[in-house]
Amino acid sequence: MVDVANIKYVSGDETLLDSINRLWAGLNQQHLDSSPDFKPYYQALTFEKRKVVLLQKARTGALRVELAKDEKAGQYVGYCVSSIDANKVGGIESLFVEESYRGLGIGDALIKSALIWMDEKAAETKMVSVAAGNEEAFRFYARYGFRPRRTVLEQIKNH
């Protein structure tokens, strides 16, 4: 049984990105499992490739990393990476909580902190992209005012 009193939160800039490597792999595996049409994409996606994109966002705007750590277990159990670009568009780039820690309010704490940071940085628009197959995440994001605005379809290679 997880004791939420053992969960501690820390936030910072892109220098914390390496701390999410293991958790990011869990999110990528979740996408791999739930998005069969795009398996090749997720199979080819590595943390290093994703990190390059996030670091580019940090150079042209701002990046924030929120971490949740189970102090008793001595490991990070959730994270949220958010960004703000030069046009004042804020984005939830990535959010993940280990399955055994879900339902404890960790995701709520992470996204609330990210949204407060975006407000402090005067983001005029806030967005989040949800991977195909992960539509159950819509309910979570709806609690924070996110609604579907458009649907982007991507052609699968070799079709």
C-alpha atoms as a PDB file:
ATOM      1  CA  MET A   1       0.000   0.000   0.000  1.00  0.00           C
ATOM      2  CA  VAL A   2       1.340   3.399  -1.016  1.00  0.00           C
ATOM      3  CA  ASP A   3       1.354   6.101   1.635  1.00  0.00           C
ATOM      4  CA  VAL A   4       0.766   9.444  -0.110  1.00  0.00           C
ATOM      5  CA  ALA A   5       2.591  11.144   2.771  1.00  0.00           C
ATOM      6  CA  ASN A   6       5.777   9.629   1.313  1.00  0.00           C
ATOM      7  CA  ILE A   7       5.258  11.373  -2.049  1.00  0.00           C
ATOM      8  CA  LYS A   8       7.386  14.489  -2.422  1.00  0.00           C
ATOM      9  CA  TYR A   9       7.303  16.881  -5.357  1.00  0.00           C
ATOM     10  CA  VAL A  10      10.123  18.756  -7.026  1.00  0.00           C
ATOM     11  CA  SER A  11      10.147  20.963 -10.100  1.00  0.00           C
ATOM     12  CA  GLY A  12      12.768  22.575 -12.246  1.00  0.00           C
ATOM     13  CA  ASP A  13      13.946  23.148 -15.769  1.00  0.00           C
ATOM     14  CA  GLU A  14      15.336  20.908 -18.496  1.00  0.00           C
ATOM     15  CA  THR A  15      18.268  19.892 -16.287  1.00  0.00           C
ATOM     16  CA  LEU A  16      15.841  17.425 -14.666  1.00  0.00           C
ATOM     17  CA  LEU A  17      14.972  15.645 -17.925  1.00  0.00           C
ATOM     18  CA  ASP A  18      17.268  12.673 -17.341  1.00  0.00           C
ATOM     19  CA  SER A  19      15.292  11.945 -14.151  1.00  0.00           C
ATOM     20  CA  ILE A  20      12.240  10.964 -16.219  1.00  0.00           C
ATOM     21  CA  ASN A  21      13.996   8.467 -18.506  1.00  0.00           C
ATOM     22  CA  ARG A  22      12.625   5.305 -16.815  1.00  0.00           C
ATOM     23  CA  LEU A  23       9.123   6.735 -16.441  1.00  0.00           C
ATOM     24  CA  TRP A  24       9.099   8.040 -20.014  1.00  0.00           C
ATOM     25  CA  ALA A  25       9.889   4.493 -21.165  1.00  0.00           C
ATOM     26  CA  GLY A  26       6.764   3.362 -19.301  1.00  0.00           C
ATOM     27  CA  LEU A  27       4.666   5.955 -21.115  1.00  0.00           C
ATOM     28  CA  ASN A  28       6.159   4.991 -24.460  1.00  0.00           C
ATOM     29  CA  GLN A  29       5.361   1.330 -23.734  1.00  0.00           C
ATOM     30  CA  GLN A  30       1.787   2.294 -22.843  1.00  0.00           C
ATOM     31  CA  HIS A  31       1.484   4.085 -26.203  1.00  0.00           C
ATOM     32  CA  LEU A  32       3.060   1.130 -27.968  1.00  0.00           C
ATOM     33  CA  ASP A  33       0.495  -1.207 -26.386  1.00  0.00           C
ATOM     34  CA  SER A  34      -2.540   1.005 -26.983  1.00  0.00           C
ATOM     35  CA  SER A  35      -1.832   2.392 -30.447  1.00  0.00           C
ATOM     36  CA  PRO A  36      -1.399  -0.576 -32.806  1.00  0.00           C
ATOM     37  CA  ASP A  37      -1.525   1.559 -35.959  1.00  0.00           C
ATOM     38  CA  PHE A  38       1.575   3.452 -34.861  1.00  0.00           C
ATOM     39  CA  LYS A  39       3.665   0.654 -33.340  1.00  0.00           C
ATOM     40  CA  PRO A  40       6.628   1.365 -35.649  1.00  0.00           C
ATOM     41  CA  TYR A  41       6.665   4.990 -34.501  1.00  0.00           C
ATOM     42  CA  TYR A  42       6.756   4.109 -30.801  1.00  0.00           C
ATOM     43  CA  GLN A  43       9.216   1.258 -31.380  1.00  0.00           C
ATOM     44  CA  ALA A  44      11.626   3.682 -33.037  1.00  0.00           C
ATOM     45  CA  LEU A  45      11.107   6.469 -30.506  1.00  0.00           C
ATOM     46  CA  THR A  46      13.813   6.611 -27.868  1.00  0.00           C
ATOM     47  CA  PHE A  47      14.198   8.805 -24.844  1.00  0.00           C
ATOM     48  CA  GLU A  48      17.231  10.433 -26.442  1.00  0.00           C
ATOM     49  CA  LYS A  49      15.195  11.379 -29.530  1.00  0.00           C
ATOM     50  CA  ARG A  50      12.400  12.801 -27.381  1.00  0.00           C
ATOM     51  CA  LYS A  51      14.911  14.635 -25.217  1.00  0.00           C
ATOM     52  CA  VAL A  52      16.367  16.394 -28.289  1.00  0.00           C
ATOM     53  CA  VAL A  53      12.896  17.757 -29.134  1.00  0.00           C
ATOM     54  CA  LEU A  54      12.286  18.876 -25.554  1.00  0.00           C
ATOM     55  CA  LEU A  55      15.678  20.573 -25.304  1.00  0.00           C
ATOM     56  CA  GLN A  56      14.925  22.447 -28.534  1.00  0.00           C
ATOM     57  CA  LYS A  57      11.690  23.680 -26.948  1.00  0.00           C
ATOM     58  CA  ALA A  58      13.701  24.822 -23.930  1.00  0.00           C
ATOM     59  CA  ARG A  59      16.078  26.803 -26.174  1.00  0.00           C
ATOM     60  CA  THR A  60      13.299  28.597 -28.052  1.00  0.00           C
ATOM     61  CA  GLY A  61      10.935  29.064 -25.108  1.00  0.00           C
ATOM     62  CA  ALA A  62      10.762  27.567 -21.637  1.00  0.00           C
ATOM     63  CA  LEU A  63      10.531  24.025 -20.279  1.00  0.00           C
ATOM     64  CA  ARG A  64       9.424  22.788 -16.870  1.00  0.00           C
ATOM     65  CA  VAL A  65       9.801  19.321 -15.350  1.00  0.00           C
ATOM     66  CA  GLU A  66       7.594  18.295 -12.409  1.00  0.00           C
ATOM     67  CA  LEU A  67       8.553  15.126 -10.539  1.00  0.00           C
ATOM     68  CA  ALA A  68       6.821  13.017  -7.912  1.00  0.00           C
ATOM     69  CA  LYS A  69       9.094  10.836  -5.785  1.00  0.00           C
ATOM     70  CA  ASP A  70       8.154   8.083  -3.384  1.00  0.00           C
ATOM     71  CA  GLU A  71      10.678   8.877  -0.656  1.00  0.00           C
ATOM     72  CA  LYS A  72      10.242   5.499   1.024  1.00  0.00           C
ATOM     73  CA  ALA A  73      10.823   3.567  -2.216  1.00  0.00           C
ATOM     74  CA  GLY A  74      13.548   5.997  -3.267  1.00  0.00           C
ATOM     75  CA  GLN A  75      12.303   6.424  -6.821  1.00  0.00           C
ATOM     76  CA  TYR A  76      10.383   8.789  -9.033  1.00  0.00           C
ATOM     77  CA  VAL A  77       6.849   7.553  -9.671  1.00  0.00           C
ATOM     78  CA  GLY A  78       5.408  10.305 -11.861  1.00  0.00           C
ATOM     79  CA  TYR A  79       6.330  13.301 -13.944  1.00  0.00           C
ATOM     80  CA  CYS A  80       4.953  16.093 -16.084  1.00  0.00           C
ATOM     81  CA  VAL A  81       6.920  18.015 -18.686  1.00  0.00           C
ATOM     82  CA  SER A  82       5.416  21.275 -19.880  1.00  0.00           C
ATOM     83  CA  SER A  83       6.580  24.005 -22.214  1.00  0.00           C
ATOM     84  CA  ILE A  84       5.829  27.534 -23.327  1.00  0.00           C
ATOM     85  CA  ASP A  85       6.872  28.692 -26.765  1.00  0.00           C
ATOM     86  CA  ALA A  86       7.747  32.165 -28.035  1.00  0.00           C
ATOM     87  CA  ASN A  87       4.080  32.717 -29.000  1.00  0.00           C
ATOM     88  CA  LYS A  88       2.955  32.181 -25.384  1.00  0.00           C
ATOM     89  CA  VAL A  89       1.445  28.756 -26.176  1.00  0.00           C
ATOM     90  CA  GLY A  90       1.775  26.411 -23.241  1.00  0.00           C
ATOM     91  CA  GLY A  91       1.826  22.680 -23.732  1.00  0.00           C
ATOM     92  CA  ILE A  92       1.649  19.611 -21.572  1.00  0.00           C
ATOM     93  CA  GLU A  93       4.374  17.717 -23.392  1.00  0.00           C
ATOM     94  CA  SER A  94       4.260  14.507 -21.389  1.00  0.00           C
ATOM     95  CA  LEU A  95       2.611  13.266 -18.225  1.00  0.00           C
ATOM     96  CA  PHE A  96       2.877   9.831 -16.659  1.00  0.00           C
ATOM     97  CA  VAL A  97       2.263   8.192 -13.299  1.00  0.00           C
ATOM     98  CA  GLU A  98       3.263   4.594 -12.635  1.00  0.00           C
ATOM     99  CA  GLU A  99       0.219   2.334 -12.642  1.00  0.00           C
ATOM    100  CA  SER A 100       0.541   1.299  -8.978  1.00  0.00           C
ATOM    101  CA  TYR A 101       0.512   4.998  -7.970  1.00  0.00           C
ATOM    102  CA  ARG A 102      -2.537   6.065 -10.000  1.00  0.00           C
ATOM    103  CA  GLY A 103      -5.662   7.253  -8.235  1.00  0.00           C
ATOM    104  CA  LEU A 104      -3.692   8.907  -5.426  1.00  0.00           C
ATOM    105  CA  GLY A 105      -3.821  12.459  -6.770  1.00  0.00           C
ATOM    106  CA  ILE A 106      -0.259  12.462  -8.095  1.00  0.00           C
ATOM    107  CA  GLY A 107      -1.271  13.306 -11.664  1.00  0.00           C
ATOM    108  CA  ASP A 108      -3.516  16.068 -10.314  1.00  0.00           C
ATOM    109  CA  ALA A 109      -0.669  17.584  -8.305  1.00  0.00           C
ATOM    110  CA  LEU A 110       1.708  17.403 -11.266  1.00  0.00           C
ATOM    111  CA  ILE A 111      -0.622  19.033 -13.779  1.00  0.00           C
ATOM    112  CA  LYS A 112      -1.798  21.698 -11.315  1.00  0.00           C
ATOM    113  CA  SER A 113       1.797  22.733 -10.745  1.00  0.00           C
ATOM    114  CA  ALA A 114       2.458  22.809 -14.501  1.00  0.00           C
ATOM    115  CA  LEU A 115      -0.641  24.930 -15.142  1.00  0.00           C
ATOM    116  CA  ILE A 116       0.281  27.374 -12.369  1.00  0.00           C
ATOM    117  CA  TRP A 117       3.733  27.707 -13.952  1.00  0.00           C
ATOM    118  CA  MET A 118       2.129  28.403 -17.353  1.00  0.00           C
ATOM    119  CA  ASP A 119      -0.079  31.081 -15.765  1.00  0.00           C
ATOM    120  CA  GLU A 120       2.952  32.678 -14.093  1.00  0.00           C
ATOM    121  CA  LYS A 121       4.684  32.735 -17.489  1.00  0.00           C
ATOM    122  CA  ALA A 122       1.571  34.349 -19.055  1.00  0.00           C
ATOM    123  CA  ALA A 123       0.725  31.515 -21.445  1.00  0.00           C
ATOM    124  CA  GLU A 124      -2.195  32.701 -23.552  1.00  0.00           C
ATOM    125  CA  THR A 125      -3.191  29.244 -24.775  1.00  0.00           C
ATOM    126  CA  LYS A 126      -2.657  25.842 -23.166  1.00  0.00           C
ATOM    127  CA  MET A 127      -2.729  22.611 -25.132  1.00  0.00           C
ATOM    128  CA  VAL A 128      -2.194  18.903 -24.708  1.00  0.00           C
ATOM    129  CA  SER A 129      -1.975  16.172 -27.331  1.00  0.00           C
ATOM    130  CA  VAL A 130      -3.296  12.728 -26.501  1.00  0.00           C
ATOM    131  CA  ALA A 131      -1.963   9.719 -28.383  1.00  0.00           C
ATOM    132  CA  ALA A 132      -4.394   7.542 -30.312  1.00  0.00           C
ATOM    133  CA  GLY A 133      -5.467   4.681 -28.096  1.00  0.00           C
ATOM    134  CA  ASN A 134      -5.161   6.766 -24.928  1.00  0.00           C
ATOM    135  CA  GLU A 135      -8.538   8.498 -25.219  1.00  0.00           C
ATOM    136  CA  GLU A 136      -9.394   7.664 -21.602  1.00  0.00           C
ATOM    137  CA  ALA A 137      -6.974  10.500 -20.763  1.00  0.00           C
ATOM    138  CA  PHE A 138      -9.601  12.946 -22.103  1.00  0.00           C
ATOM    139  CA  ARG A 139     -11.557  12.609 -18.830  1.00  0.00           C
ATOM    140  CA  PHE A 140      -8.482  13.477 -16.787  1.00  0.00           C
ATOM    141  CA  TYR A 141      -7.619  16.539 -18.872  1.00  0.00           C
ATOM    142  CA  ALA A 142     -11.267  17.674 -19.009  1.00  0.00           C
ATOM    143  CA  ARG A 143     -11.069  18.326 -15.245  1.00  0.00           C
ATOM    144  CA  TYR A 144      -8.638  21.117 -16.080  1.00  0.00           C
ATOM    145  CA  GLY A 145     -10.679  22.656 -18.877  1.00  0.00           C
ATOM    146  CA  PHE A 146      -9.055  20.882 -21.816  1.00  0.00           C
ATOM    147  CA  ARG A 147     -11.485  19.920 -24.565  1.00  0.00           C
ATOM    148  CA  PRO A 148     -10.948  18.427 -28.028  1.00  0.00           C
ATOM    149  CA  ARG A 149     -10.588  21.242 -30.547  1.00  0.00           C
ATOM    150  CA  ARG A 150      -9.504  19.323 -33.602  1.00  0.00           C
ATOM    151  CA  THR A 151      -8.551  15.825 -34.653  1.00  0.00           C
ATOM    152  CA  VAL A 152      -5.383  15.270 -36.634  1.00  0.00           C
ATOM    153  CA  LEU A 153      -5.189  12.145 -38.749  1.00  0.00           C
ATOM    154  CA  GLU A 154      -1.827  10.804 -39.857  1.00  0.00           C
ATOM    155  CA  GLN A 155      -1.396   8.431 -42.775  1.00  0.00           C
ATOM    156  CA  ILE A 156       0.162   5.130 -41.857  1.00  0.00           C
ATOM    157  CA  LYS A 157       3.201   4.375 -43.979  1.00  0.00           C
ATOM    158  CA  ASN A 158       2.839   1.612 -46.581  1.00  0.00           C
ATOM    159  CA  HIS A 159      -0.860   2.271 -47.161  1.00  0.00           C
END
